[in-house]
mmCIF file of all heavy atoms, coordinates in Angstrom:
data_MODEL
# 
_entry.id   MODEL 
# 
loop_
_atom_site.group_PDB 
_atom_site.id 
_atom_site.type_symbol 
_atom_site.label_atom_id 
_atom_site.label_alt_id 
_atom_site.label_comp_id 
_atom_site.label_asym_id 
_atom_site.label_entity_id 
_atom_site.label_seq_id 
_atom_site.pdbx_PDB_ins_code 
_atom_site.Cartn_x 
_atom_site.Cartn_y 
_atom_site.Cartn_z 
_atom_site.occupancy 
_atom_site.B_iso_or_equiv 
_atom_site.pdbx_formal_charge 
_atom_site.auth_seq_id 
_atom_site.auth_comp_id 
_atom_site.auth_asym_id 
_atom_site.auth_atom_id 
_atom_site.pdbx_PDB_model_num 
ATOM 1   N N   . ALA A 1 1  ? 0.804   -1.236 0.021   1.00 0.00 ? 1  ALA A N   1 
ATOM 2   C CA  . ALA A 1 1  ? 0.027   0.016  0.004   1.00 0.00 ? 1  ALA A CA  1 
ATOM 3   C C   . ALA A 1 1  ? 0.879   1.250  -0.003  1.00 0.00 ? 1  ALA A C   1 
ATOM 4   O O   . ALA A 1 1  ? 0.700   2.244  0.828   1.00 0.00 ? 1  ALA A O   1 
ATOM 5   C CB  . ALA A 1 1  ? -0.960  0.034  1.259   1.00 0.00 ? 1  ALA A CB  1 
ATOM 6   N N   . GLU A 1 2  ? 1.890   1.261  -0.909  1.00 0.00 ? 2  GLU A N   1 
ATOM 7   C CA  . GLU A 1 2  ? 2.843   2.362  -0.938  1.00 0.00 ? 2  GLU A CA  1 
ATOM 8   C C   . GLU A 1 2  ? 2.172   3.626  -1.601  1.00 0.00 ? 2  GLU A C   1 
ATOM 9   O O   . GLU A 1 2  ? 1.464   3.487  -2.634  1.00 0.00 ? 2  GLU A O   1 
ATOM 10  C CB  . GLU A 1 2  ? 4.000   1.981  -1.725  1.00 0.00 ? 2  GLU A CB  1 
ATOM 11  C CG  . GLU A 1 2  ? 5.105   3.008  -1.888  1.00 0.00 ? 2  GLU A CG  1 
ATOM 12  C CD  . GLU A 1 2  ? 6.199   2.588  -2.718  1.00 0.00 ? 2  GLU A CD  1 
ATOM 13  O OE1 . GLU A 1 2  ? 6.197   1.512  -3.396  1.00 0.00 ? 2  GLU A OE1 1 
ATOM 14  O OE2 . GLU A 1 2  ? 7.154   3.338  -2.728  1.00 0.00 ? 2  GLU A OE2 1 
ATOM 15  N N   . ILE A 1 3  ? 2.345   4.777  -0.983  1.00 0.00 ? 3  ILE A N   1 
ATOM 16  C CA  . ILE A 1 3  ? 1.838   6.002  -1.516  1.00 0.00 ? 3  ILE A CA  1 
ATOM 17  C C   . ILE A 1 3  ? 2.898   6.541  -2.478  1.00 0.00 ? 3  ILE A C   1 
ATOM 18  O O   . ILE A 1 3  ? 4.059   6.886  -2.029  1.00 0.00 ? 3  ILE A O   1 
ATOM 19  C CB  . ILE A 1 3  ? 1.545   7.003  -0.390  1.00 0.00 ? 3  ILE A CB  1 
ATOM 20  C CG1 . ILE A 1 3  ? 0.603   6.466  0.565   1.00 0.00 ? 3  ILE A CG1 1 
ATOM 21  C CG2 . ILE A 1 3  ? 1.124   8.361  -0.918  1.00 0.00 ? 3  ILE A CG2 1 
ATOM 22  C CD1 . ILE A 1 3  ? 0.294   7.436  1.779   1.00 0.00 ? 3  ILE A CD1 1 
ATOM 23  N N   . LYS A 1 4  ? 2.497   6.629  -3.829  1.00 0.00 ? 4  LYS A N   1 
ATOM 24  C CA  . LYS A 1 4  ? 3.484   7.061  -4.723  1.00 0.00 ? 4  LYS A CA  1 
ATOM 25  C C   . LYS A 1 4  ? 3.574   8.605  -4.758  1.00 0.00 ? 4  LYS A C   1 
ATOM 26  O O   . LYS A 1 4  ? 2.656   9.273  -4.572  1.00 0.00 ? 4  LYS A O   1 
ATOM 27  C CB  . LYS A 1 4  ? 3.084   6.530  -6.209  1.00 0.00 ? 4  LYS A CB  1 
ATOM 28  C CG  . LYS A 1 4  ? 3.143   5.036  -6.196  1.00 0.00 ? 4  LYS A CG  1 
ATOM 29  C CD  . LYS A 1 4  ? 2.825   4.637  -7.687  1.00 0.00 ? 4  LYS A CD  1 
ATOM 30  C CE  . LYS A 1 4  ? 2.882   3.135  -7.808  1.00 0.00 ? 4  LYS A CE  1 
ATOM 31  N NZ  . LYS A 1 4  ? 2.592   2.631  -9.216  1.00 0.00 ? 4  LYS A NZ  1 
ATOM 32  N N   . SER A 1 5  ? 4.814   9.027  -5.156  1.00 0.00 ? 5  SER A N   1 
ATOM 33  C CA  . SER A 1 5  ? 4.971   10.468 -5.313  1.00 0.00 ? 5  SER A CA  1 
ATOM 34  C C   . SER A 1 5  ? 4.345   10.901 -6.534  1.00 0.00 ? 5  SER A C   1 
ATOM 35  O O   . SER A 1 5  ? 3.956   10.187 -7.436  1.00 0.00 ? 5  SER A O   1 
ATOM 36  C CB  . SER A 1 5  ? 6.549   10.770 -5.385  1.00 0.00 ? 5  SER A CB  1 
ATOM 37  O OG  . SER A 1 5  ? 7.030   10.191 -6.526  1.00 0.00 ? 5  SER A OG  1 
ATOM 38  N N   . GLY A 1 6  ? 4.119   12.285 -6.597  1.00 0.00 ? 6  GLY A N   1 
ATOM 39  C CA  . GLY A 1 6  ? 3.526   12.843 -7.788  1.00 0.00 ? 6  GLY A CA  1 
ATOM 40  C C   . GLY A 1 6  ? 4.224   12.528 -9.155  1.00 0.00 ? 6  GLY A C   1 
ATOM 41  O O   . GLY A 1 6  ? 3.648   12.281 -10.088 1.00 0.00 ? 6  GLY A O   1 
ATOM 42  N N   . ILE A 1 7  ? 5.553   12.589 -9.052  1.00 0.00 ? 7  ILE A N   1 
ATOM 43  C CA  . ILE A 1 7  ? 6.382   12.308 -10.255 1.00 0.00 ? 7  ILE A CA  1 
ATOM 44  C C   . ILE A 1 7  ? 6.161   10.861 -10.620 1.00 0.00 ? 7  ILE A C   1 
ATOM 45  O O   . ILE A 1 7  ? 6.023   10.496 -11.878 1.00 0.00 ? 7  ILE A O   1 
ATOM 46  C CB  . ILE A 1 7  ? 7.882   12.569 -9.962  1.00 0.00 ? 7  ILE A CB  1 
ATOM 47  C CG1 . ILE A 1 7  ? 8.110   14.092 -9.679  1.00 0.00 ? 7  ILE A CG1 1 
ATOM 48  C CG2 . ILE A 1 7  ? 8.776   12.088 -11.138 1.00 0.00 ? 7  ILE A CG2 1 
ATOM 49  C CD1 . ILE A 1 7  ? 9.379   14.357 -9.393  1.00 0.00 ? 7  ILE A CD1 1 
ATOM 50  N N   . ARG A 1 8  ? 6.196   9.910  -9.726  1.00 0.00 ? 8  ARG A N   1 
ATOM 51  C CA  . ARG A 1 8  ? 5.965   8.445  -10.032 1.00 0.00 ? 8  ARG A CA  1 
ATOM 52  C C   . ARG A 1 8  ? 4.674   8.291  -10.634 1.00 0.00 ? 8  ARG A C   1 
ATOM 53  O O   . ARG A 1 8  ? 4.441   7.364  -11.584 1.00 0.00 ? 8  ARG A O   1 
ATOM 54  C CB  . ARG A 1 8  ? 6.244   7.616  -8.875  1.00 0.00 ? 8  ARG A CB  1 
ATOM 55  C CG  . ARG A 1 8  ? 7.670   7.597  -8.374  1.00 0.00 ? 8  ARG A CG  1 
ATOM 56  C CD  . ARG A 1 8  ? 7.936   6.659  -7.221  1.00 0.00 ? 8  ARG A CD  1 
ATOM 57  N NE  . ARG A 1 8  ? 7.579   5.244  -7.595  1.00 0.00 ? 8  ARG A NE  1 
ATOM 58  C CZ  . ARG A 1 8  ? 7.535   4.381  -6.713  1.00 0.00 ? 8  ARG A CZ  1 
ATOM 59  N NH1 . ARG A 1 8  ? 7.853   4.527  -5.385  1.00 0.00 ? 8  ARG A NH1 1 
ATOM 60  N NH2 . ARG A 1 8  ? 7.269   3.139  -7.107  1.00 0.00 ? 8  ARG A NH2 1 
ATOM 61  N N   . ARG A 1 9  ? 3.584   8.854  -10.140 1.00 0.00 ? 9  ARG A N   1 
ATOM 62  C CA  . ARG A 1 9  ? 2.228   8.775  -10.644 1.00 0.00 ? 9  ARG A CA  1 
ATOM 63  C C   . ARG A 1 9  ? 2.203   9.244  -12.083 1.00 0.00 ? 9  ARG A C   1 
ATOM 64  O O   . ARG A 1 9  ? 1.601   8.628  -12.924 1.00 0.00 ? 9  ARG A O   1 
ATOM 65  C CB  . ARG A 1 9  ? 1.215   9.530  -9.832  1.00 0.00 ? 9  ARG A CB  1 
ATOM 66  C CG  . ARG A 1 9  ? 0.988   8.800  -8.424  1.00 0.00 ? 9  ARG A CG  1 
ATOM 67  C CD  . ARG A 1 9  ? -0.037  9.664  -7.620  1.00 0.00 ? 9  ARG A CD  1 
ATOM 68  N NE  . ARG A 1 9  ? -0.405  8.903  -6.344  1.00 0.00 ? 9  ARG A NE  1 
ATOM 69  C CZ  . ARG A 1 9  ? -1.270  8.018  -6.304  1.00 0.00 ? 9  ARG A CZ  1 
ATOM 70  N NH1 . ARG A 1 9  ? -2.029  7.666  -7.273  1.00 0.00 ? 9  ARG A NH1 1 
ATOM 71  N NH2 . ARG A 1 9  ? -1.559  7.501  -5.085  1.00 0.00 ? 9  ARG A NH2 1 
ATOM 72  N N   . LEU A 1 10 ? 2.811   10.360 -12.328 1.00 0.00 ? 10 LEU A N   1 
ATOM 73  C CA  . LEU A 1 10 ? 2.910   10.931 -13.676 1.00 0.00 ? 10 LEU A CA  1 
ATOM 74  C C   . LEU A 1 10 ? 3.591   9.998  -14.685 1.00 0.00 ? 10 LEU A C   1 
ATOM 75  O O   . LEU A 1 10 ? 3.060   9.797  -15.795 1.00 0.00 ? 10 LEU A O   1 
ATOM 76  C CB  . LEU A 1 10 ? 3.567   12.262 -13.670 1.00 0.00 ? 10 LEU A CB  1 
ATOM 77  C CG  . LEU A 1 10 ? 3.671   13.022 -15.077 1.00 0.00 ? 10 LEU A CG  1 
ATOM 78  C CD1 . LEU A 1 10 ? 2.336   13.340 -15.582 1.00 0.00 ? 10 LEU A CD1 1 
ATOM 79  C CD2 . LEU A 1 10 ? 4.436   14.328 -14.949 1.00 0.00 ? 10 LEU A CD2 1 
ATOM 80  N N   . ILE A 1 11 ? 4.681   9.486  -14.216 1.00 0.00 ? 11 ILE A N   1 
ATOM 81  C CA  . ILE A 1 11 ? 5.320   8.529  -15.172 1.00 0.00 ? 11 ILE A CA  1 
ATOM 82  C C   . ILE A 1 11 ? 4.586   7.322  -15.448 1.00 0.00 ? 11 ILE A C   1 
ATOM 83  O O   . ILE A 1 11 ? 4.407   6.802  -16.548 1.00 0.00 ? 11 ILE A O   1 
ATOM 84  C CB  . ILE A 1 11 ? 6.740   8.148  -14.524 1.00 0.00 ? 11 ILE A CB  1 
ATOM 85  C CG1 . ILE A 1 11 ? 7.703   9.405  -14.523 1.00 0.00 ? 11 ILE A CG1 1 
ATOM 86  C CG2 . ILE A 1 11 ? 7.433   6.988  -15.397 1.00 0.00 ? 11 ILE A CG2 1 
ATOM 87  C CD1 . ILE A 1 11 ? 9.008   9.079  -13.753 1.00 0.00 ? 11 ILE A CD1 1 
ATOM 88  N N   . GLY A 1 12 ? 3.883   6.787  -14.313 1.00 0.00 ? 12 GLY A N   1 
ATOM 89  C CA  . GLY A 1 12 ? 3.021   5.655  -14.569 1.00 0.00 ? 12 GLY A CA  1 
ATOM 90  C C   . GLY A 1 12 ? 1.826   5.844  -15.459 1.00 0.00 ? 12 GLY A C   1 
ATOM 91  O O   . GLY A 1 12 ? 1.562   5.030  -16.281 1.00 0.00 ? 12 GLY A O   1 
ATOM 92  N N   . TRP A 1 13 ? 1.272   6.983  -15.288 1.00 0.00 ? 13 TRP A N   1 
ATOM 93  C CA  . TRP A 1 13 ? 0.169   7.333  -16.259 1.00 0.00 ? 13 TRP A CA  1 
ATOM 94  C C   . TRP A 1 13 ? 0.713   7.529  -17.682 1.00 0.00 ? 13 TRP A C   1 
ATOM 95  O O   . TRP A 1 13 ? -0.023  7.021  -18.594 1.00 0.00 ? 13 TRP A O   1 
ATOM 96  C CB  . TRP A 1 13 ? -0.473  8.619  -15.841 1.00 0.00 ? 13 TRP A CB  1 
ATOM 97  C CG  . TRP A 1 13 ? -1.424  9.120  -16.785 1.00 0.00 ? 13 TRP A CG  1 
ATOM 98  C CD1 . TRP A 1 13 ? -2.764  8.776  -17.024 1.00 0.00 ? 13 TRP A CD1 1 
ATOM 99  C CD2 . TRP A 1 13 ? -1.209  10.152 -17.836 1.00 0.00 ? 13 TRP A CD2 1 
ATOM 100 N NE1 . TRP A 1 13 ? -3.363  9.497  -18.065 1.00 0.00 ? 13 TRP A NE1 1 
ATOM 101 C CE2 . TRP A 1 13 ? -2.304  10.353 -18.469 1.00 0.00 ? 13 TRP A CE2 1 
ATOM 102 C CE3 . TRP A 1 13 ? -0.036  10.931 -18.134 1.00 0.00 ? 13 TRP A CE3 1 
ATOM 103 C CZ2 . TRP A 1 13 ? -2.443  11.126 -19.593 1.00 0.00 ? 13 TRP A CZ2 1 
ATOM 104 C CZ3 . TRP A 1 13 ? -0.123  11.824 -19.183 1.00 0.00 ? 13 TRP A CZ3 1 
ATOM 105 C CH2 . TRP A 1 13 ? -1.245  11.963 -19.915 1.00 0.00 ? 13 TRP A CH2 1 
ATOM 106 N N   . PHE A 1 14 ? 1.807   8.179  -17.814 1.00 0.00 ? 14 PHE A N   1 
ATOM 107 C CA  . PHE A 1 14 ? 2.359   8.412  -19.192 1.00 0.00 ? 14 PHE A CA  1 
ATOM 108 C C   . PHE A 1 14 ? 2.671   7.164  -19.825 1.00 0.00 ? 14 PHE A C   1 
ATOM 109 O O   . PHE A 1 14 ? 2.470   7.013  -21.090 1.00 0.00 ? 14 PHE A O   1 
ATOM 110 C CB  . PHE A 1 14 ? 3.732   9.236  -19.123 1.00 0.00 ? 14 PHE A CB  1 
ATOM 111 C CG  . PHE A 1 14 ? 4.231   9.747  -20.350 1.00 0.00 ? 14 PHE A CG  1 
ATOM 112 C CD1 . PHE A 1 14 ? 3.482   10.763 -21.080 1.00 0.00 ? 14 PHE A CD1 1 
ATOM 113 C CD2 . PHE A 1 14 ? 5.410   9.342  -20.898 1.00 0.00 ? 14 PHE A CD2 1 
ATOM 114 C CE1 . PHE A 1 14 ? 3.935   11.232 -22.236 1.00 0.00 ? 14 PHE A CE1 1 
ATOM 115 C CE2 . PHE A 1 14 ? 5.788   9.740  -22.094 1.00 0.00 ? 14 PHE A CE2 1 
ATOM 116 C CZ  . PHE A 1 14 ? 5.145   10.715 -22.845 1.00 0.00 ? 14 PHE A CZ  1 
ATOM 117 N N   . CYS A 1 15 ? 3.151   6.153  -19.108 1.00 0.00 ? 15 CYS A N   1 
ATOM 118 C CA  . CYS A 1 15 ? 3.510   4.824  -19.748 1.00 0.00 ? 15 CYS A CA  1 
ATOM 119 C C   . CYS A 1 15 ? 2.238   3.846  -19.782 1.00 0.00 ? 15 CYS A C   1 
ATOM 120 O O   . CYS A 1 15 ? 2.481   2.668  -20.149 1.00 0.00 ? 15 CYS A O   1 
ATOM 121 C CB  . CYS A 1 15 ? 4.646   4.191  -19.082 1.00 0.00 ? 15 CYS A CB  1 
ATOM 122 S SG  . CYS A 1 15 ? 6.204   5.180  -19.302 1.00 0.00 ? 15 CYS A SG  1 
ATOM 123 N N   . GLY A 1 16 ? 1.121   4.333  -19.177 1.00 0.00 ? 16 GLY A N   1 
ATOM 124 C CA  . GLY A 1 16 ? 0.048   3.473  -19.257 1.00 0.00 ? 16 GLY A CA  1 
ATOM 125 C C   . GLY A 1 16 ? 0.096   2.286  -18.214 1.00 0.00 ? 16 GLY A C   1 
ATOM 126 O O   . GLY A 1 16 ? -0.625  1.300  -18.384 1.00 0.00 ? 16 GLY A O   1 
ATOM 127 N N   . MET A 1 17 ? 0.872   2.544  -17.188 1.00 0.00 ? 17 MET A N   1 
ATOM 128 C CA  . MET A 1 17 ? 0.964   1.429  -16.180 1.00 0.00 ? 17 MET A CA  1 
ATOM 129 C C   . MET A 1 17 ? 0.203   1.607  -14.891 1.00 0.00 ? 17 MET A C   1 
ATOM 130 O O   . MET A 1 17 ? 0.152   0.753  -14.068 1.00 0.00 ? 17 MET A O   1 
ATOM 131 C CB  . MET A 1 17 ? 2.512   1.245  -15.826 1.00 0.00 ? 17 MET A CB  1 
ATOM 132 C CG  . MET A 1 17 ? 3.436   0.810  -16.924 1.00 0.00 ? 17 MET A CG  1 
ATOM 133 S SD  . MET A 1 17 ? 5.051   0.524  -16.567 1.00 0.00 ? 17 MET A SD  1 
ATOM 134 C CE  . MET A 1 17 ? 5.486   2.149  -15.964 1.00 0.00 ? 17 MET A CE  1 
ATOM 135 N N   . ASP A 1 18 ? -0.268  2.793  -14.748 1.00 0.00 ? 18 ASP A N   1 
ATOM 136 C CA  . ASP A 1 18 ? -0.922  3.090  -13.429 1.00 0.00 ? 18 ASP A CA  1 
ATOM 137 C C   . ASP A 1 18 ? -1.981  4.269  -13.676 1.00 0.00 ? 18 ASP A C   1 
ATOM 138 O O   . ASP A 1 18 ? -1.668  5.216  -14.333 1.00 0.00 ? 18 ASP A O   1 
ATOM 139 C CB  . ASP A 1 18 ? 0.082   3.584  -12.480 1.00 0.00 ? 18 ASP A CB  1 
ATOM 140 C CG  . ASP A 1 18 ? -0.599  3.675  -11.081 1.00 0.00 ? 18 ASP A CG  1 
ATOM 141 O OD1 . ASP A 1 18 ? -0.690  2.757  -10.333 1.00 0.00 ? 18 ASP A OD1 1 
ATOM 142 O OD2 . ASP A 1 18 ? -1.006  4.883  -10.789 1.00 0.00 ? 18 ASP A OD2 1 
ATOM 143 N N   . GLY A 1 19 ? -3.089  3.990  -13.147 1.00 0.00 ? 19 GLY A N   1 
ATOM 144 C CA  . GLY A 1 19 ? -4.134  5.048  -13.082 1.00 0.00 ? 19 GLY A CA  1 
ATOM 145 C C   . GLY A 1 19 ? -4.742  5.366  -14.422 1.00 0.00 ? 19 GLY A C   1 
ATOM 146 O O   . GLY A 1 19 ? -5.608  6.315  -14.464 1.00 0.00 ? 19 GLY A O   1 
ATOM 147 N N   . GLY A 1 20 ? -4.443  4.695  -15.465 1.00 0.00 ? 20 GLY A N   1 
ATOM 148 C CA  . GLY A 1 20 ? -5.012  4.989  -16.802 1.00 0.00 ? 20 GLY A CA  1 
ATOM 149 C C   . GLY A 1 20 ? -6.279  4.082  -17.040 1.00 0.00 ? 20 GLY A C   1 
ATOM 150 O O   . GLY A 1 20 ? -6.885  4.304  -18.086 1.00 0.00 ? 20 GLY A O   1 
ATOM 151 N N   . SER A 1 21 ? -6.573  3.127  -16.253 1.00 0.00 ? 21 SER A N   1 
ATOM 152 C CA  . SER A 1 21 ? -7.674  2.208  -16.555 1.00 0.00 ? 21 SER A CA  1 
ATOM 153 C C   . SER A 1 21 ? -8.950  2.679  -15.821 1.00 0.00 ? 21 SER A C   1 
ATOM 154 O O   . SER A 1 21 ? -8.940  2.939  -14.607 1.00 0.00 ? 21 SER A O   1 
ATOM 155 C CB  . SER A 1 21 ? -7.275  0.804  -16.093 1.00 0.00 ? 21 SER A CB  1 
ATOM 156 O OG  . SER A 1 21 ? -8.394  0.004  -16.327 1.00 0.00 ? 21 SER A OG  1 
ATOM 157 N N   . GLN A 1 22 ? -9.987  2.616  -16.580 1.00 0.00 ? 22 GLN A N   1 
ATOM 158 C CA  . GLN A 1 22 ? -11.311 2.984  -15.982 1.00 0.00 ? 22 GLN A CA  1 
ATOM 159 C C   . GLN A 1 22 ? -12.089 1.629  -15.577 1.00 0.00 ? 22 GLN A C   1 
ATOM 160 O O   . GLN A 1 22 ? -13.187 1.680  -15.151 1.00 0.00 ? 22 GLN A O   1 
ATOM 161 C CB  . GLN A 1 22 ? -12.141 3.778  -17.007 1.00 0.00 ? 22 GLN A CB  1 
ATOM 162 C CG  . GLN A 1 22 ? -11.448 5.108  -17.378 1.00 0.00 ? 22 GLN A CG  1 
ATOM 163 C CD  . GLN A 1 22 ? -11.217 5.987  -16.170 1.00 0.00 ? 22 GLN A CD  1 
ATOM 164 O OE1 . GLN A 1 22 ? -12.113 6.097  -15.336 1.00 0.00 ? 22 GLN A OE1 1 
ATOM 165 N NE2 . GLN A 1 22 ? -10.158 6.671  -16.164 1.00 0.00 ? 22 GLN A NE2 1 
ATOM 166 N N   . THR A 1 23 ? -11.469 0.514  -15.818 1.00 0.00 ? 23 THR A N   1 
ATOM 167 C CA  . THR A 1 23 ? -12.053 -0.766 -15.595 1.00 0.00 ? 23 THR A CA  1 
ATOM 168 C C   . THR A 1 23 ? -11.754 -1.191 -14.157 1.00 0.00 ? 23 THR A C   1 
ATOM 169 O O   . THR A 1 23 ? -10.546 -1.294 -13.798 1.00 0.00 ? 23 THR A O   1 
ATOM 170 C CB  . THR A 1 23 ? -11.573 -1.856 -16.551 1.00 0.00 ? 23 THR A CB  1 
ATOM 171 O OG1 . THR A 1 23 ? -11.766 -1.310 -17.835 1.00 0.00 ? 23 THR A OG1 1 
ATOM 172 C CG2 . THR A 1 23 ? -12.271 -3.175 -16.384 1.00 0.00 ? 23 THR A CG2 1 
ATOM 173 N N   . PRO A 1 24 ? -12.667 -1.425 -13.303 1.00 0.00 ? 24 PRO A N   1 
ATOM 174 C CA  . PRO A 1 24 ? -12.320 -1.912 -11.974 1.00 0.00 ? 24 PRO A CA  1 
ATOM 175 C C   . PRO A 1 24 ? -11.784 -3.270 -11.953 1.00 0.00 ? 24 PRO A C   1 
ATOM 176 O O   . PRO A 1 24 ? -12.004 -4.089 -12.767 1.00 0.00 ? 24 PRO A O   1 
ATOM 177 C CB  . PRO A 1 24 ? -13.774 -1.910 -11.257 1.00 0.00 ? 24 PRO A CB  1 
ATOM 178 C CG  . PRO A 1 24 ? -14.694 -2.126 -12.422 1.00 0.00 ? 24 PRO A CG  1 
ATOM 179 C CD  . PRO A 1 24 ? -14.153 -1.428 -13.624 1.00 0.00 ? 24 PRO A CD  1 
# 
């Protein structure tokens, strides 16, 4: 349950690995 930093979240979204899915 690690809280990611803003930069890591941005990189994950940019590469489609995190936060980009609307499917539960």
